[in-house]
PDB file of N, CA and C in Angstrom:
ATOM      1  N   GLN A   1     -19.304  -8.193   4.885  1.00  0.00           N
ATOM      2  CA  GLN A   1     -18.506  -8.609   3.838  1.00  0.00           C
ATOM      3  C   GLN A   1     -18.411  -7.641   2.826  1.00  0.00           C
ATOM      4  N   VAL A   2     -17.425  -7.618   2.273  1.00  0.00           N
ATOM      5  CA  VAL A   2     -16.780  -6.627   1.079  1.00  0.00           C
ATOM      6  C   VAL A   2     -16.926  -8.230  -0.233  1.00  0.00           C
ATOM      7  N   GLN A   3     -18.082  -7.150  -0.934  1.00  0.00           N
ATOM      8  CA  GLN A   3     -18.375  -7.552  -2.433  1.00  0.00           C
ATOM      9  C   GLN A   3     -17.330  -6.576  -3.380  1.00  0.00           C
ATOM     10  N   VAL A   4     -17.296  -7.355  -4.307  1.00  0.00           N
ATOM     11  CA  VAL A   4     -15.958  -6.593  -5.269  1.00  0.00           C
ATOM     12  C   VAL A   4     -16.363  -7.073  -6.688  1.00  0.00           C
ATOM     13  N   VAL A   5     -17.073  -5.727  -7.342  1.00  0.00           N
ATOM     14  CA  VAL A   5     -17.850  -5.875  -9.106  1.00  0.00           C
ATOM     15  C   VAL A   5     -17.015  -5.587 -10.038  1.00  0.00           C
ATOM     16  N   GLN A   6     -16.533  -6.243 -11.175  1.00  0.00           N
ATOM     17  CA  GLN A   6     -15.645  -5.416 -11.623  1.00  0.00           C
ATOM     18  C   GLN A   6     -16.693  -4.976 -13.020  1.00  0.00           C
ATOM     19  N   SER A   7     -15.913  -4.038 -14.203  1.00  0.00           N
ATOM     20  CA  SER A   7     -16.885  -4.177 -15.296  1.00  0.00           C
ATOM     21  C   SER A   7     -15.666  -3.561 -16.054  1.00  0.00           C
ATOM     22  N   GLY A   8     -15.991  -3.237 -17.399  1.00  0.00           N
ATOM     23  CA  GLY A   8     -15.083  -2.577 -18.408  1.00  0.00           C
ATOM     24  C   GLY A   8     -14.302  -3.418 -19.067  1.00  0.00           C
ATOM     25  N   GLY A   9     -14.139  -4.721 -19.255  1.00  0.00           N
ATOM     26  CA  GLY A   9     -13.987  -5.445 -19.974  1.00  0.00           C
ATOM     27  C   GLY A   9     -14.359  -5.917 -21.897  1.00  0.00           C
ATOM     28  N   GLY A  10     -13.011  -6.410 -22.544  1.00  0.00           N
ATOM     29  CA  GLY A  10     -14.450  -6.201 -23.962  1.00  0.00           C
ATOM     30  C   GLY A  10     -12.816  -6.595 -24.716  1.00  0.00           C
ATOM     31  N   LEU A  11     -13.412  -6.205 -26.321  1.00  0.00           N
ATOM     32  CA  LEU A  11     -12.513  -7.005 -27.287  1.00  0.00           C
ATOM     33  C   LEU A  11     -12.175  -5.213 -27.657  1.00  0.00           C
ATOM     34  N   VAL A  12     -11.271  -4.948 -28.676  1.00  0.00           N
ATOM     35  CA  VAL A  12     -10.228  -3.990 -28.538  1.00  0.00           C
ATOM     36  C   VAL A  12      -8.808  -4.286 -29.658  1.00  0.00           C
ATOM     37  N   GLN A  13      -8.796  -3.092 -30.506  1.00  0.00           N
ATOM     38  CA  GLN A  13      -7.622  -3.201 -31.102  1.00  0.00           C
ATOM     39  C   GLN A  13      -6.509  -3.617 -30.627  1.00  0.00           C
ATOM     40  N   PRO A  14      -4.904  -4.066 -31.476  1.00  0.00           N
ATOM     41  CA  PRO A  14      -4.080  -3.888 -31.213  1.00  0.00           C
ATOM     42  C   PRO A  14      -3.722  -2.102 -30.938  1.00  0.00           C
ATOM     43  N   GLY A  15      -2.962  -1.632 -29.920  1.00  0.00           N
ATOM     44  CA  GLY A  15      -2.767  -0.401 -29.494  1.00  0.00           C
ATOM     45  C   GLY A  15      -4.240   0.230 -29.263  1.00  0.00           C
ATOM     46  N   GLY A  16      -4.993  -0.302 -29.049  1.00  0.00           N
ATOM     47  CA  GLY A  16      -6.157   0.626 -27.924  1.00  0.00           C
ATOM     48  C   GLY A  16      -6.573   0.381 -26.817  1.00  0.00           C
ATOM     49  N   SER A  17      -7.037   0.958 -26.217  1.00  0.00           N
ATOM     50  CA  SER A  17      -7.284   1.332 -24.760  1.00  0.00           C
ATOM     51  C   SER A  17      -8.664   0.710 -24.228  1.00  0.00           C
ATOM     52  N   LEU A  18      -8.779   0.758 -23.092  1.00  0.00           N
ATOM     53  CA  LEU A  18      -9.721  -0.188 -22.099  1.00  0.00           C
ATOM     54  C   LEU A  18      -9.383   0.638 -20.936  1.00  0.00           C
ATOM     55  N   THR A  19     -10.681   0.678 -19.542  1.00  0.00           N
ATOM     56  CA  THR A  19     -10.828   1.027 -18.654  1.00  0.00           C
ATOM     57  C   THR A  19     -10.828  -0.125 -17.656  1.00  0.00           C
ATOM     58  N   LEU A  20     -10.296  -0.667 -17.572  1.00  0.00           N
ATOM     59  CA  LEU A  20     -10.800  -1.686 -16.039  1.00  0.00           C
ATOM     60  C   LEU A  20     -11.899  -0.378 -14.652  1.00  0.00           C
ATOM     61  N   ASN A  21     -13.206  -1.727 -14.356  1.00  0.00           N
ATOM     62  CA  ASN A  21     -13.443  -0.491 -12.936  1.00  0.00           C
ATOM     63  C   ASN A  21     -13.500  -1.604 -12.299  1.00  0.00           C
ATOM     64  N   CYS A  22     -13.600  -1.327 -11.246  1.00  0.00           N
ATOM     65  CA  CYS A  22     -13.607  -2.162  -9.630  1.00  0.00           C
ATOM     66  C   CYS A  22     -14.232  -1.151  -8.690  1.00  0.00           C
ATOM     67  N   ALA A  23     -15.558  -1.860  -8.336  1.00  0.00           N
ATOM     68  CA  ALA A  23     -16.117  -1.028  -7.310  1.00  0.00           C
ATOM     69  C   ALA A  23     -16.206  -1.976  -5.970  1.00  0.00           C
ATOM     70  N   ALA A  24     -16.164  -1.495  -5.156  1.00  0.00           N
ATOM     71  CA  ALA A  24     -16.366  -1.916  -3.568  1.00  0.00           C
ATOM     72  C   ALA A  24     -17.566  -1.889  -2.490  1.00  0.00           C
ATOM     73  N   SER A  25     -17.881  -2.850  -2.241  1.00  0.00           N
ATOM     74  CA  SER A  25     -19.417  -2.520  -1.569  1.00  0.00           C
ATOM     75  C   SER A  25     -19.044  -2.893  -0.084  1.00  0.00           C
ATOM     76  N   GLY A  26     -19.740  -2.739   1.186  1.00  0.00           N
ATOM     77  CA  GLY A  26     -19.372  -2.923   2.453  1.00  0.00           C
ATOM     78  C   GLY A  26     -17.950  -2.817   3.341  1.00  0.00           C
ATOM     79  N   GLY A  27     -17.078  -2.463   2.173  1.00  0.00           N
ATOM     80  CA  GLY A  27     -16.070  -1.370   2.917  1.00  0.00           C
ATOM     81  C   GLY A  27     -15.573  -0.304   2.462  1.00  0.00           C
ATOM     82  N   LYS A  28     -14.527   0.474   2.762  1.00  0.00           N
ATOM     83  CA  LYS A  28     -13.855   1.393   2.589  1.00  0.00           C
ATOM     84  C   LYS A  28     -12.464   0.826   1.605  1.00  0.00           C
ATOM     85  N   ILE A  29     -12.949   0.898   0.278  1.00  0.00           N
ATOM     86  CA  ILE A  29     -11.589   0.796  -0.670  1.00  0.00           C
ATOM     87  C   ILE A  29     -10.381   1.516   0.198  1.00  0.00           C
ATOM     88  N   SER A  30      -9.741   2.386   0.418  1.00  0.00           N
ATOM     89  CA  SER A  30      -9.211   3.023   0.540  1.00  0.00           C
ATOM     90  C   SER A  30      -8.129   2.281   1.996  1.00  0.00           C
ATOM     91  N   THR A  31      -9.091   1.034   3.058  1.00  0.00           N
ATOM     92  CA  THR A  31      -8.774   0.625   3.542  1.00  0.00           C
ATOM     93  C   THR A  31      -7.907  -0.639   3.336  1.00  0.00           C
ATOM     94  N   TYR A  32      -7.792  -0.812   1.840  1.00  0.00           N
ATOM     95  CA  TYR A  32      -7.362  -2.144   1.307  1.00  0.00           C
ATOM     96  C   TYR A  32      -6.391  -1.975   0.307  1.00  0.00           C
ATOM     97  N   ARG A  33      -5.717  -2.710  -0.221  1.00  0.00           N
ATOM     98  CA  ARG A  33      -4.384  -2.631  -0.751  1.00  0.00           C
ATOM     99  C   ARG A  33      -4.779  -3.750  -2.605  1.00  0.00           C
ATOM    100  N   VAL A  34      -5.213  -2.735  -3.493  1.00  0.00           N
ATOM    101  CA  VAL A  34      -5.522  -3.065  -4.273  1.00  0.00           C
ATOM    102  C   VAL A  34      -4.957  -3.840  -5.840  1.00  0.00           C
ATOM    103  N   ASP A  35      -4.942  -5.236  -6.015  1.00  0.00           N
ATOM    104  CA  ASP A  35      -3.663  -5.631  -6.892  1.00  0.00           C
ATOM    105  C   ASP A  35      -4.810  -5.886  -8.373  1.00  0.00           C
ATOM    106  N   TRP A  36      -4.132  -5.848  -9.508  1.00  0.00           N
ATOM    107  CA  TRP A  36      -4.987  -6.420 -10.800  1.00  0.00           C
ATOM    108  C   TRP A  36      -4.019  -7.322 -10.830  1.00  0.00           C
ATOM    109  N   HIS A  37      -4.364  -8.988 -10.800  1.00  0.00           N
ATOM    110  CA  HIS A  37      -3.897  -9.770 -11.348  1.00  0.00           C
ATOM    111  C   HIS A  37      -4.309 -10.320 -12.688  1.00  0.00           C
ATOM    112  N   ARG A  38      -3.487 -10.915 -13.466  1.00  0.00           N
ATOM    113  CA  ARG A  38      -4.283 -12.011 -14.591  1.00  0.00           C
ATOM    114  C   ARG A  38      -3.882 -12.978 -14.981  1.00  0.00           C
ATOM    115  N   GLN A  39      -4.525 -14.139 -15.856  1.00  0.00           N
ATOM    116  CA  GLN A  39      -4.392 -14.705 -15.632  1.00  0.00           C
ATOM    117  C   GLN A  39      -4.980 -15.057 -17.196  1.00  0.00           C
ATOM    118  N   ALA A  40      -3.831 -15.784 -18.092  1.00  0.00           N
ATOM    119  CA  ALA A  40      -4.537 -16.395 -19.075  1.00  0.00           C
ATOM    120  C   ALA A  40      -4.714 -18.247 -19.013  1.00  0.00           C
ATOM    121  N   PRO A  41      -5.339 -18.548 -19.622  1.00  0.00           N
ATOM    122  CA  PRO A  41      -5.729 -20.058 -20.116  1.00  0.00           C
ATOM    123  C   PRO A  41      -4.337 -20.683 -19.651  1.00  0.00           C
ATOM    124  N   GLY A  42      -4.429 -22.135 -19.468  1.00  0.00           N
ATOM    125  CA  GLY A  42      -3.264 -23.044 -18.984  1.00  0.00           C
ATOM    126  C   GLY A  42      -1.957 -22.266 -17.956  1.00  0.00           C
ATOM    127  N   LYS A  43      -2.169 -21.111 -17.601  1.00  0.00           N
ATOM    128  CA  LYS A  43      -0.981 -20.182 -17.432  1.00  0.00           C
ATOM    129  C   LYS A  43      -1.592 -19.859 -15.690  1.00  0.00           C
ATOM    130  N   GLU A  44      -0.514 -19.672 -15.464  1.00  0.00           N
ATOM    131  CA  GLU A  44      -0.687 -19.329 -14.101  1.00  0.00           C
ATOM    132  C   GLU A  44      -0.792 -17.750 -13.544  1.00  0.00           C
ATOM    133  N   ARG A  45      -1.249 -17.221 -12.965  1.00  0.00           N
ATOM    134  CA  ARG A  45      -1.966 -15.701 -12.573  1.00  0.00           C
ATOM    135  C   ARG A  45      -0.727 -15.160 -11.901  1.00  0.00           C
ATOM    136  N   GLU A  46      -0.619 -13.956 -12.288  1.00  0.00           N
ATOM    137  CA  GLU A  46       0.217 -12.780 -12.695  1.00  0.00           C
ATOM    138  C   GLU A  46       0.151 -11.955 -11.988  1.00  0.00           C
ATOM    139  N   LEU A  47       0.762 -10.947 -11.032  1.00  0.00           N
ATOM    140  CA  LEU A  47       0.563 -10.139 -11.152  1.00  0.00           C
ATOM    141  C   LEU A  47       0.873  -8.551 -11.917  1.00  0.00           C
ATOM    142  N   ALA A  48      -0.048  -8.545 -12.255  1.00  0.00           N
ATOM    143  CA  ALA A  48      -0.105  -7.379 -13.094  1.00  0.00           C
ATOM    144  C   ALA A  48       0.455  -5.551 -12.728  1.00  0.00           C
ATOM    145  N   ALA A  49      -0.363  -5.003 -11.638  1.00  0.00           N
ATOM    146  CA  ALA A  49      -0.472  -3.820 -10.819  1.00  0.00           C
ATOM    147  C   ALA A  49      -0.859  -3.645  -9.515  1.00  0.00           C
ATOM    148  N   THR A  50      -0.293  -2.837  -8.844  1.00  0.00           N
ATOM    149  CA  THR A  50      -0.936  -2.659  -7.522  1.00  0.00           C
ATOM    150  C   THR A  50      -1.008  -1.278  -7.393  1.00  0.00           C
ATOM    151  N   PHE A  51      -2.426  -0.801  -6.198  1.00  0.00           N
ATOM    152  CA  PHE A  51      -2.175   0.560  -5.411  1.00  0.00           C
ATOM    153  C   PHE A  51      -1.946  -0.202  -4.408  1.00  0.00           C
ATOM    154  N   GLN A  52      -1.046   0.297  -3.968  1.00  0.00           N
ATOM    155  CA  GLN A  52      -0.944   0.363  -2.259  1.00  0.00           C
ATOM    156  C   GLN A  52      -2.067   1.356  -1.405  1.00  0.00           C
ATOM    157  N   ARG A  53      -2.471   1.159  -0.346  1.00  0.00           N
ATOM    158  CA  ARG A  53      -3.489   1.723   0.988  1.00  0.00           C
ATOM    159  C   ARG A  53      -2.799   3.563   0.632  1.00  0.00           C
ATOM    160  N   ASP A  54      -1.526   3.574   0.323  1.00  0.00           N
ATOM    161  CA  ASP A  54      -0.687   5.168   0.707  1.00  0.00           C
ATOM    162  C   ASP A  54      -0.341   5.765  -0.758  1.00  0.00           C
ATOM    163  N   GLY A  55      -1.418   5.106  -1.469  1.00  0.00           N
ATOM    164  CA  GLY A  55      -1.450   5.597  -3.206  1.00  0.00           C
ATOM    165  C   GLY A  55       0.265   5.520  -3.884  1.00  0.00           C
ATOM    166  N   SER A  56       0.713   4.801  -3.453  1.00  0.00           N
ATOM    167  CA  SER A  56       2.072   4.179  -4.316  1.00  0.00           C
ATOM    168  C   SER A  56       1.849   2.795  -5.250  1.00  0.00           C
ATOM    169  N   THR A  57       2.515   2.936  -5.931  1.00  0.00           N
ATOM    170  CA  THR A  57       1.892   1.870  -7.668  1.00  0.00           C
ATOM    171  C   THR A  57       2.981   1.182  -7.148  1.00  0.00           C
ATOM    172  N   TYR A  58       2.798   0.035  -8.102  1.00  0.00           N
ATOM    173  CA  TYR A  58       3.758  -1.452  -8.848  1.00  0.00           C
ATOM    174  C   TYR A  58       3.117  -1.169  -9.714  1.00  0.00           C
ATOM    175  N   TYR A  59       3.982  -1.933 -11.172  1.00  0.00           N
ATOM    176  CA  TYR A  59       3.852  -2.072 -12.506  1.00  0.00           C
ATOM    177  C   TYR A  59       4.691  -3.557 -12.847  1.00  0.00           C
ATOM    178  N   ARG A  60       4.347  -4.354 -13.558  1.00  0.00           N
ATOM    179  CA  ARG A  60       5.059  -5.115 -13.891  1.00  0.00           C
ATOM    180  C   ARG A  60       5.762  -4.984 -15.075  1.00  0.00           C
ATOM    181  N   ASP A  61       6.786  -4.678 -15.315  1.00  0.00           N
ATOM    182  CA  ASP A  61       8.066  -4.863 -16.279  1.00  0.00           C
ATOM    183  C   ASP A  61       6.995  -4.541 -17.507  1.00  0.00           C
ATOM    184  N   ASP A  62       6.248  -5.676 -18.303  1.00  0.00           N
ATOM    185  CA  ASP A  62       5.771  -5.312 -19.603  1.00  0.00           C
ATOM    186  C   ASP A  62       4.608  -4.975 -19.607  1.00  0.00           C
ATOM    187  N   VAL A  63       3.723  -4.431 -18.573  1.00  0.00           N
ATOM    188  CA  VAL A  63       2.834  -3.038 -18.820  1.00  0.00           C
ATOM    189  C   VAL A  63       3.401  -1.638 -18.118  1.00  0.00           C
ATOM    190  N   LYS A  64       4.686  -1.484 -17.286  1.00  0.00           N
ATOM    191  CA  LYS A  64       4.856  -0.420 -17.410  1.00  0.00           C
ATOM    192  C   LYS A  64       5.064   0.911 -18.276  1.00  0.00           C
ATOM    193  N   GLY A  65       4.346   1.405 -18.139  1.00  0.00           N
ATOM    194  CA  GLY A  65       4.404   2.519 -19.281  1.00  0.00           C
ATOM    195  C   GLY A  65       3.073   3.313 -19.999  1.00  0.00           C
ATOM    196  N   ARG A  66       2.338   1.575 -19.930  1.00  0.00           N
ATOM    197  CA  ARG A  66       1.064   1.472 -20.609  1.00  0.00           C
ATOM    198  C   ARG A  66      -0.314   1.156 -20.161  1.00  0.00           C
ATOM    199  N   PHE A  67       0.181   0.948 -18.535  1.00  0.00           N
ATOM    200  CA  PHE A  67      -1.250   0.783 -18.087  1.00  0.00           C
ATOM    201  C   PHE A  67      -1.086   1.439 -16.541  1.00  0.00           C
ATOM    202  N   THR A  68      -1.849   2.177 -15.821  1.00  0.00           N
ATOM    203  CA  THR A  68      -2.146   2.893 -14.854  1.00  0.00           C
ATOM    204  C   THR A  68      -3.315   2.527 -14.017  1.00  0.00           C
ATOM    205  N   VAL A  69      -3.157   2.490 -12.885  1.00  0.00           N
ATOM    206  CA  VAL A  69      -4.303   2.127 -11.110  1.00  0.00           C
ATOM    207  C   VAL A  69      -4.039   3.074 -10.582  1.00  0.00           C
ATOM    208  N   SER A  70      -5.474   3.808 -10.549  1.00  0.00           N
ATOM    209  CA  SER A  70      -6.038   4.420  -9.747  1.00  0.00           C
ATOM    210  C   SER A  70      -6.504   4.074  -8.503  1.00  0.00           C
ATOM    211  N   ARG A  71      -8.047   5.285  -7.901  1.00  0.00           N
ATOM    212  CA  ARG A  71      -8.567   4.836  -7.026  1.00  0.00           C
ATOM    213  C   ARG A  71      -9.283   5.904  -6.841  1.00  0.00           C
ATOM    214  N   ASP A  72     -10.254   5.662  -6.281  1.00  0.00           N
ATOM    215  CA  ASP A  72     -11.692   7.066  -6.407  1.00  0.00           C
ATOM    216  C   ASP A  72     -12.127   6.665  -5.155  1.00  0.00           C
ATOM    217  N   ASP A  73     -12.244   7.539  -4.328  1.00  0.00           N
ATOM    218  CA  ASP A  73     -12.151   7.078  -2.109  1.00  0.00           C
ATOM    219  C   ASP A  73     -13.414   7.741  -2.441  1.00  0.00           C
ATOM    220  N   ALA A  74     -13.873   8.502  -2.992  1.00  0.00           N
ATOM    221  CA  ALA A  74     -15.637   9.248  -2.805  1.00  0.00           C
ATOM    222  C   ALA A  74     -16.245   8.180  -3.721  1.00  0.00           C
ATOM    223  N   LYS A  75     -16.173   8.034  -4.777  1.00  0.00           N
ATOM    224  CA  LYS A  75     -16.695   6.497  -5.499  1.00  0.00           C
ATOM    225  C   LYS A  75     -16.223   5.275  -4.654  1.00  0.00           C
ATOM    226  N   ASN A  76     -15.329   5.318  -3.922  1.00  0.00           N
ATOM    227  CA  ASN A  76     -15.311   3.841  -3.638  1.00  0.00           C
ATOM    228  C   ASN A  76     -14.841   2.823  -4.406  1.00  0.00           C
ATOM    229  N   THR A  77     -14.205   2.840  -5.820  1.00  0.00           N
ATOM    230  CA  THR A  77     -13.792   2.616  -7.021  1.00  0.00           C
ATOM    231  C   THR A  77     -12.418   2.630  -6.914  1.00  0.00           C
ATOM    232  N   ALA A  78     -11.890   1.557  -7.732  1.00  0.00           N
ATOM    233  CA  ALA A  78     -10.297   1.285  -8.175  1.00  0.00           C
ATOM    234  C   ALA A  78     -10.409   0.904  -9.689  1.00  0.00           C
ATOM    235  N   ALA A  79      -9.764   1.370 -10.825  1.00  0.00           N
ATOM    236  CA  ALA A  79      -9.335   0.968 -12.039  1.00  0.00           C
ATOM    237  C   ALA A  79      -8.216   1.414 -12.576  1.00  0.00           C
ATOM    238  N   LEU A  80      -8.128   0.774 -13.349  1.00  0.00           N
ATOM    239  CA  LEU A  80      -7.204  -0.039 -14.291  1.00  0.00           C
ATOM    240  C   LEU A  80      -7.377   0.370 -15.598  1.00  0.00           C
ATOM    241  N   GLN A  81      -6.491   1.709 -16.140  1.00  0.00           N
ATOM    242  CA  GLN A  81      -6.221   2.073 -17.671  1.00  0.00           C
ATOM    243  C   GLN A  81      -5.236   1.324 -18.438  1.00  0.00           C
ATOM    244  N   MET A  82      -5.867   0.714 -19.528  1.00  0.00           N
ATOM    245  CA  MET A  82      -4.824   0.107 -20.463  1.00  0.00           C
ATOM    246  C   MET A  82      -4.888   0.839 -21.745  1.00  0.00           C
ATOM    247  N   ASP A  83      -3.450   1.264 -22.115  1.00  0.00           N
ATOM    248  CA  ASP A  83      -3.083   1.877 -23.091  1.00  0.00           C
ATOM    249  C   ASP A  83      -2.058   1.143 -24.333  1.00  0.00           C
ATOM    250  N   ASN A  84      -2.265   0.992 -25.329  1.00  0.00           N
ATOM    251  CA  ASN A  84      -1.547   0.310 -26.642  1.00  0.00           C
ATOM    252  C   ASN A  84      -1.614  -0.429 -25.698  1.00  0.00           C
ATOM    253  N   LEU A  85      -2.461  -1.443 -26.000  1.00  0.00           N
ATOM    254  CA  LEU A  85      -2.432  -2.461 -25.779  1.00  0.00           C
ATOM    255  C   LEU A  85      -1.922  -3.543 -26.697  1.00  0.00           C
ATOM    256  N   ARG A  86      -1.566  -5.040 -26.578  1.00  0.00           N
ATOM    257  CA  ARG A  86      -0.946  -5.817 -27.404  1.00  0.00           C
ATOM    258  C   ARG A  86      -2.033  -6.812 -27.144  1.00  0.00           C
ATOM    259  N   PRO A  87      -1.601  -7.685 -27.971  1.00  0.00           N
ATOM    260  CA  PRO A  87      -2.222  -9.059 -28.126  1.00  0.00           C
ATOM    261  C   PRO A  87      -1.891  -9.866 -27.236  1.00  0.00           C
ATOM    262  N   GLU A  88      -1.118  -9.861 -26.516  1.00  0.00           N
ATOM    263  CA  GLU A  88      -0.340 -10.611 -25.658  1.00  0.00           C
ATOM    264  C   GLU A  88      -0.973 -10.414 -24.156  1.00  0.00           C
ATOM    265  N   ASP A  89      -1.497  -9.110 -24.293  1.00  0.00           N
ATOM    266  CA  ASP A  89      -2.729  -8.919 -22.794  1.00  0.00           C
ATOM    267  C   ASP A  89      -3.701  -9.427 -22.581  1.00  0.00           C
ATOM    268  N   THR A  90      -4.135 -10.387 -23.814  1.00  0.00           N
ATOM    269  CA  THR A  90      -5.478 -10.780 -23.657  1.00  0.00           C
ATOM    270  C   THR A  90      -5.808 -11.996 -22.800  1.00  0.00           C
ATOM    271  N   VAL A  91      -6.027 -11.805 -21.475  1.00  0.00           N
ATOM    272  CA  VAL A  91      -5.975 -12.408 -20.781  1.00  0.00           C
ATOM    273  C   VAL A  91      -7.776 -11.968 -19.728  1.00  0.00           C
ATOM    274  N   VAL A  92      -8.013 -12.368 -18.567  1.00  0.00           N
ATOM    275  CA  VAL A  92      -8.846 -12.715 -17.719  1.00  0.00           C
ATOM    276  C   VAL A  92      -8.132 -11.681 -16.820  1.00  0.00           C
ATOM    277  N   TYR A  93      -8.690 -10.903 -16.406  1.00  0.00           N
ATOM    278  CA  TYR A  93      -8.010  -9.393 -14.982  1.00  0.00           C
ATOM    279  C   TYR A  93      -9.139  -9.274 -13.921  1.00  0.00           C
ATOM    280  N   TYR A  94      -8.158  -9.733 -12.911  1.00  0.00           N
ATOM    281  CA  TYR A  94      -8.870  -9.714 -11.713  1.00  0.00           C
ATOM    282  C   TYR A  94      -8.521  -8.923 -10.826  1.00  0.00           C
ATOM    283  N   CYS A  95      -9.714  -8.001  -9.962  1.00  0.00           N
ATOM    284  CA  CYS A  95      -9.189  -7.213  -9.357  1.00  0.00           C
ATOM    285  C   CYS A  95      -9.385  -7.737  -7.932  1.00  0.00           C
ATOM    286  N   ILE A  96      -8.735  -7.761  -7.155  1.00  0.00           N
ATOM    287  CA  ILE A  96      -8.401  -8.718  -5.994  1.00  0.00           C
ATOM    288  C   ILE A  96      -8.051  -7.211  -4.585  1.00  0.00           C
ATOM    289  N   LEU A  97      -8.936  -7.364  -3.407  1.00  0.00           N
ATOM    290  CA  LEU A  97      -8.808  -6.291  -1.733  1.00  0.00           C
ATOM    291  C   LEU A  97      -8.218  -6.997  -1.136  1.00  0.00           C
ATOM    292  N   TYR A  98      -6.798  -6.453  -0.585  1.00  0.00           N
ATOM    293  CA  TYR A  98      -5.840  -7.304   0.363  1.00  0.00           C
ATOM    294  C   TYR A  98      -5.997  -6.329   1.459  1.00  0.00           C
ATOM    295  N   ASN A  99      -6.504  -6.791   3.100  1.00  0.00           N
ATOM    296  CA  ASN A  99      -6.019  -5.994   4.227  1.00  0.00           C
ATOM    297  C   ASN A  99      -6.309  -7.382   4.641  1.00  0.00           C
ATOM    298  N   SER A 100      -4.920  -7.287   5.413  1.00  0.00           N
ATOM    299  CA  SER A 100      -4.253  -8.702   6.308  1.00  0.00           C
ATOM    300  C   SER A 100      -5.160  -8.852   7.548  1.00  0.00           C
ATOM    301  N   GLY A 101      -5.956  -8.006   7.889  1.00  0.00           N
ATOM    302  CA  GLY A 101      -6.392  -8.120   9.428  1.00  0.00           C
ATOM    303  C   GLY A 101      -8.290  -8.156   8.995  1.00  0.00           C
ATOM    304  N   VAL A 102      -8.177  -8.410   8.032  1.00  0.00           N
ATOM    305  CA  VAL A 102      -9.732  -8.571   7.118  1.00  0.00           C
ATOM    306  C   VAL A 102      -9.437  -9.145   6.373  1.00  0.00           C
ATOM    307  N   GLY A 103      -9.159  -9.532   5.698  1.00  0.00           N
ATOM    308  CA  GLY A 103      -9.340 -10.817   4.493  1.00  0.00           C
ATOM    309  C   GLY A 103      -9.050 -10.132   2.935  1.00  0.00           C
ATOM    310  N   ASN A 104      -8.867 -11.121   2.131  1.00  0.00           N
ATOM    311  CA  ASN A 104      -8.749 -10.854   0.075  1.00  0.00           C
ATOM    312  C   ASN A 104     -10.377 -10.957   0.242  1.00  0.00           C
ATOM    313  N   PHE A 105     -10.606 -10.062  -1.143  1.00  0.00           N
ATOM    314  CA  PHE A 105     -11.705  -9.894  -1.957  1.00  0.00           C
ATOM    315  C   PHE A 105     -11.424  -9.760  -3.193  1.00  0.00           C
ATOM    316  N   TRP A 106     -11.947 -10.380  -3.842  1.00  0.00           N
ATOM    317  CA  TRP A 106     -12.002 -11.112  -5.472  1.00  0.00           C
ATOM    318  C   TRP A 106     -13.330 -10.263  -6.137  1.00  0.00           C
ATOM    319  N   GLY A 107     -12.718  -9.571  -7.621  1.00  0.00           N
ATOM    320  CA  GLY A 107     -13.833  -9.308  -8.191  1.00  0.00           C
ATOM    321  C   GLY A 107     -14.146 -10.608  -9.102  1.00  0.00           C
ATOM    322  N   GLN A 108     -15.475 -10.540 -10.032  1.00  0.00           N
ATOM    323  CA  GLN A 108     -15.786 -11.586 -10.284  1.00  0.00           C
ATOM    324  C   GLN A 108     -14.481 -12.059 -11.568  1.00  0.00           C
ATOM    325  N   GLY A 109     -14.076 -11.414 -12.009  1.00  0.00           N
ATOM    326  CA  GLY A 109     -13.423 -11.072 -13.270  1.00  0.00           C
ATOM    327  C   GLY A 109     -13.528 -10.783 -14.404  1.00  0.00           C
ATOM    328  N   VAL A 110     -13.033 -10.116 -15.549  1.00  0.00           N
ATOM    329  CA  VAL A 110     -13.385  -9.695 -16.699  1.00  0.00           C
ATOM    330  C   VAL A 110     -12.448 -10.364 -18.045  1.00  0.00           C
ATOM    331  N   GLN A 111     -12.871 -10.703 -19.060  1.00  0.00           N
ATOM    332  CA  GLN A 111     -12.487 -10.899 -20.258  1.00  0.00           C
ATOM    333  C   GLN A 111     -11.762  -9.691 -20.893  1.00  0.00           C
ATOM    334  N   VAL A 112     -10.509  -8.983 -21.348  1.00  0.00           N
ATOM    335  CA  VAL A 112      -9.365  -8.462 -22.450  1.00  0.00           C
ATOM    336  C   VAL A 112      -9.600  -9.048 -23.819  1.00  0.00           C
ATOM    337  N   THR A 113      -9.631  -8.905 -24.289  1.00  0.00           N
ATOM    338  CA  THR A 113      -9.395  -9.253 -25.706  1.00  0.00           C
ATOM    339  C   THR A 113      -9.110  -8.449 -26.654  1.00  0.00           C
ATOM    340  N   VAL A 114      -7.900  -8.644 -26.762  1.00  0.00           N
ATOM    341  CA  VAL A 114      -6.963  -7.649 -28.418  1.00  0.00           C
ATOM    342  C   VAL A 114      -6.737  -7.904 -29.126  1.00  0.00           C
ATOM    343  N   SER A 115      -7.459  -7.948 -30.203  1.00  0.00           N
ATOM    344  CA  SER A 115      -7.300  -8.830 -31.819  1.00  0.00           C
ATOM    345  C   SER A 115      -7.774  -7.651 -32.631  1.00  0.00           C
ATOM    346  N   SER A 116      -7.320  -7.531 -33.582  1.00  0.00           N
ATOM    347  CA  SER A 116      -7.840  -7.197 -35.634  1.00  0.00           C
ATOM    348  C   SER A 116      -8.635  -7.359 -35.626  1.00  0.00           C
TER     349      SER A 116
END
């Protein structure tokens, strides 16, 4: 059973940066697609960014150029680097590992708050 543990959320001022980390155990993160979803209270969850197994990436338009996804196979981790943060980035972020043959595994979610 794959377990996913997230870290790195917190409070940051507008224009600041945060890095969210996603550590996998019980499986190789390189065999999963890593999605970073986010959800604001009362709103639907949305996909913010993806790191595909082949290393290709996807970003939704409003984070493009500000967020960067990465994966460290040696550490079995993934990361979401968030720069130039805006108040509207204040949401809970989830790291989700997808593999059609194995299943989906969720991190616990971390709160990011962008406020002065």
